[in-house]
Amino acid sequence: MTWARILGAVTIFLLLSLTSVSADRTPTPTCGDLDNSGAIDLSDAIYLFDYIFGANPPLPEPGVGDVNCDGKIDISDVTYLVAYIFYDGAAPCAECPLL
């Protein structure tokens, strides 16, 4: 085999590998994980706060911000997230009612 063929085969292999990795990394919406990072943390509370007051792009899914399961997205959801993150409060709903 020549170096050109080896390099071509390696390039094709890498391209196929990258394609399959990006296809597998599509995050599933999780209630409370507003930035789709895979974890619920302060950035999610900030994202939700900004969303409520019009400073952020739309939510990844309509219901991920209803973390207290009251059927609406408002400042009480931000308070709920902060309590969960910093004060060992109740976890966000397992299933958001608006999803």
C-alpha atoms as a PDB file:
ATOM      1  CA  MET A   1       0.000   0.000   0.000  1.00  0.00           C
ATOM      2  CA  THR A   2       1.148   3.473  -0.712  1.00  0.00           C
ATOM      3  CA  TRP A   3       1.104   6.287   1.801  1.00  0.00           C
ATOM      4  CA  ALA A   4      -1.651   8.013  -0.162  1.00  0.00           C
ATOM      5  CA  ARG A   5      -3.953   4.996   0.209  1.00  0.00           C
ATOM      6  CA  ILE A   6      -3.180   4.637   3.905  1.00  0.00           C
ATOM      7  CA  LEU A   7      -3.835   8.334   4.484  1.00  0.00           C
ATOM      8  CA  GLY A   8      -7.079   8.101   2.487  1.00  0.00           C
ATOM      9  CA  ALA A   9      -8.268   5.096   4.483  1.00  0.00           C
ATOM     10  CA  VAL A  10      -7.442   6.794   7.789  1.00  0.00           C
ATOM     11  CA  THR A  11      -9.247   9.973   6.688  1.00  0.00           C
ATOM     12  CA  ILE A  12     -12.390   8.039   5.739  1.00  0.00           C
ATOM     13  CA  PHE A  13     -12.279   6.130   9.021  1.00  0.00           C
ATOM     14  CA  LEU A  14     -11.971   9.342  11.040  1.00  0.00           C
ATOM     15  CA  LEU A  15     -14.786  11.051   9.139  1.00  0.00           C
ATOM     16  CA  LEU A  16     -17.094   8.097   9.705  1.00  0.00           C
ATOM     17  CA  SER A  17     -16.141   7.977  13.388  1.00  0.00           C
ATOM     18  CA  LEU A  18     -16.849  11.677  13.886  1.00  0.00           C
ATOM     19  CA  THR A  19     -20.185  11.395  12.118  1.00  0.00           C
ATOM     20  CA  SER A  20     -21.337   8.570  14.366  1.00  0.00           C
ATOM     21  CA  VAL A  21     -20.153  10.361  17.520  1.00  0.00           C
ATOM     22  CA  SER A  22     -22.069  13.533  16.720  1.00  0.00           C
ATOM     23  CA  ALA A  23     -25.192  11.518  15.892  1.00  0.00           C
ATOM     24  CA  ASP A  24     -25.014   9.757  19.266  1.00  0.00           C
ATOM     25  CA  ARG A  25     -24.532  12.994  21.213  1.00  0.00           C
ATOM     26  CA  THR A  26     -27.994  14.441  20.610  1.00  0.00           C
ATOM     27  CA  PRO A  27     -29.093  15.308  24.131  1.00  0.00           C
ATOM     28  CA  THR A  28     -32.460  14.197  25.423  1.00  0.00           C
ATOM     29  CA  PRO A  29     -34.338  17.068  27.058  1.00  0.00           C
ATOM     30  CA  THR A  30     -34.258  16.790  30.838  1.00  0.00           C
ATOM     31  CA  CYS A  31     -36.419  18.883  33.118  1.00  0.00           C
ATOM     32  CA  GLY A  32     -34.167  21.534  34.658  1.00  0.00           C
ATOM     33  CA  ASP A  33     -31.230  21.062  32.259  1.00  0.00           C
ATOM     34  CA  LEU A  34     -32.001  24.137  30.199  1.00  0.00           C
ATOM     35  CA  ASP A  35     -28.620  24.429  28.497  1.00  0.00           C
ATOM     36  CA  ASN A  36     -28.457  20.705  27.576  1.00  0.00           C
ATOM     37  CA  SER A  37     -25.130  20.275  29.359  1.00  0.00           C
ATOM     38  CA  GLY A  38     -26.138  16.986  30.946  1.00  0.00           C
ATOM     39  CA  ALA A  39     -26.136  18.435  34.472  1.00  0.00           C
ATOM     40  CA  ILE A  40     -28.421  20.719  36.421  1.00  0.00           C
ATOM     41  CA  ASP A  41     -26.351  23.579  37.797  1.00  0.00           C
ATOM     42  CA  LEU A  42     -26.223  27.346  38.266  1.00  0.00           C
ATOM     43  CA  SER A  43     -25.953  27.968  34.534  1.00  0.00           C
ATOM     44  CA  ASP A  44     -29.418  26.434  34.130  1.00  0.00           C
ATOM     45  CA  ALA A  45     -30.909  28.767  36.746  1.00  0.00           C
ATOM     46  CA  ILE A  46     -29.297  31.757  35.021  1.00  0.00           C
ATOM     47  CA  TYR A  47     -30.496  30.536  31.622  1.00  0.00           C
ATOM     48  CA  LEU A  48     -34.046  30.219  32.935  1.00  0.00           C
ATOM     49  CA  PHE A  49     -33.907  33.650  34.584  1.00  0.00           C
ATOM     50  CA  ASP A  50     -32.706  35.190  31.324  1.00  0.00           C
ATOM     51  CA  TYR A  51     -35.361  33.297  29.357  1.00  0.00           C
ATOM     52  CA  ILE A  52     -38.162  34.577  31.605  1.00  0.00           C
ATOM     53  CA  PHE A  53     -36.990  38.169  31.213  1.00  0.00           C
ATOM     54  CA  GLY A  54     -36.393  37.865  27.457  1.00  0.00           C
ATOM     55  CA  ALA A  55     -32.585  37.811  27.305  1.00  0.00           C
ATOM     56  CA  ASN A  56     -32.030  34.235  26.088  1.00  0.00           C
ATOM     57  CA  PRO A  57     -32.949  32.174  23.033  1.00  0.00           C
ATOM     58  CA  PRO A  58     -35.911  29.828  23.330  1.00  0.00           C
ATOM     59  CA  LEU A  59     -35.741  26.773  25.560  1.00  0.00           C
ATOM     60  CA  PRO A  60     -34.521  23.535  23.942  1.00  0.00           C
ATOM     61  CA  GLU A  61     -37.972  22.061  24.607  1.00  0.00           C
ATOM     62  CA  PRO A  62     -40.974  24.024  25.868  1.00  0.00           C
ATOM     63  CA  GLY A  63     -41.340  22.190  29.178  1.00  0.00           C
ATOM     64  CA  VAL A  64     -37.773  21.910  30.455  1.00  0.00           C
ATOM     65  CA  GLY A  65     -38.160  25.148  32.393  1.00  0.00           C
ATOM     66  CA  ASP A  66     -41.199  24.035  34.396  1.00  0.00           C
ATOM     67  CA  VAL A  67     -39.069  22.470  37.116  1.00  0.00           C
ATOM     68  CA  ASN A  68     -41.660  22.746  39.892  1.00  0.00           C
ATOM     69  CA  CYS A  69     -44.380  21.062  37.787  1.00  0.00           C
ATOM     70  CA  ASP A  70     -47.024  23.750  38.204  1.00  0.00           C
ATOM     71  CA  GLY A  71     -47.782  23.923  34.471  1.00  0.00           C
ATOM     72  CA  LYS A  72     -46.169  27.318  33.827  1.00  0.00           C
ATOM     73  CA  ILE A  73     -42.689  28.784  33.537  1.00  0.00           C
ATOM     74  CA  ASP A  74     -42.071  31.727  35.835  1.00  0.00           C
ATOM     75  CA  ILE A  75     -39.725  33.084  38.504  1.00  0.00           C
ATOM     76  CA  SER A  76     -40.835  30.380  40.960  1.00  0.00           C
ATOM     77  CA  ASP A  77     -39.046  27.858  38.726  1.00  0.00           C
ATOM     78  CA  VAL A  78     -35.785  29.814  39.106  1.00  0.00           C
ATOM     79  CA  THR A  79     -36.247  29.845  42.890  1.00  0.00           C
ATOM     80  CA  TYR A  80     -36.917  26.099  42.804  1.00  0.00           C
ATOM     81  CA  LEU A  81     -33.702  25.453  40.837  1.00  0.00           C
ATOM     82  CA  VAL A  82     -31.613  27.623  43.179  1.00  0.00           C
ATOM     83  CA  ALA A  83     -33.022  25.754  46.192  1.00  0.00           C
ATOM     84  CA  TYR A  84     -32.217  22.428  44.524  1.00  0.00           C
ATOM     85  CA  ILE A  85     -28.673  23.433  43.563  1.00  0.00           C
ATOM     86  CA  PHE A  86     -27.564  25.217  46.744  1.00  0.00           C
ATOM     87  CA  TYR A  87     -29.873  24.096  49.550  1.00  0.00           C
ATOM     88  CA  ASP A  88     -30.502  20.420  48.822  1.00  0.00           C
ATOM     89  CA  GLY A  89     -34.079  21.182  47.765  1.00  0.00           C
ATOM     90  CA  ALA A  90     -36.372  18.840  45.902  1.00  0.00           C
ATOM     91  CA  ALA A  91     -35.169  17.704  42.496  1.00  0.00           C
ATOM     92  CA  PRO A  92     -36.869  18.971  39.342  1.00  0.00           C
ATOM     93  CA  CYS A  93     -39.803  16.904  38.137  1.00  0.00           C
ATOM     94  CA  ALA A  94     -38.913  13.608  36.563  1.00  0.00           C
ATOM     95  CA  GLU A  95     -41.314  14.474  33.755  1.00  0.00           C
ATOM     96  CA  CYS A  96     -42.078  18.072  32.973  1.00  0.00           C
ATOM     97  CA  PRO A  97     -45.800  18.520  32.361  1.00  0.00           C
ATOM     98  CA  LEU A  98     -45.188  20.832  29.405  1.00  0.00           C
ATOM     99  CA  LEU A  99     -42.847  18.466  27.508  1.00  0.00           C
END
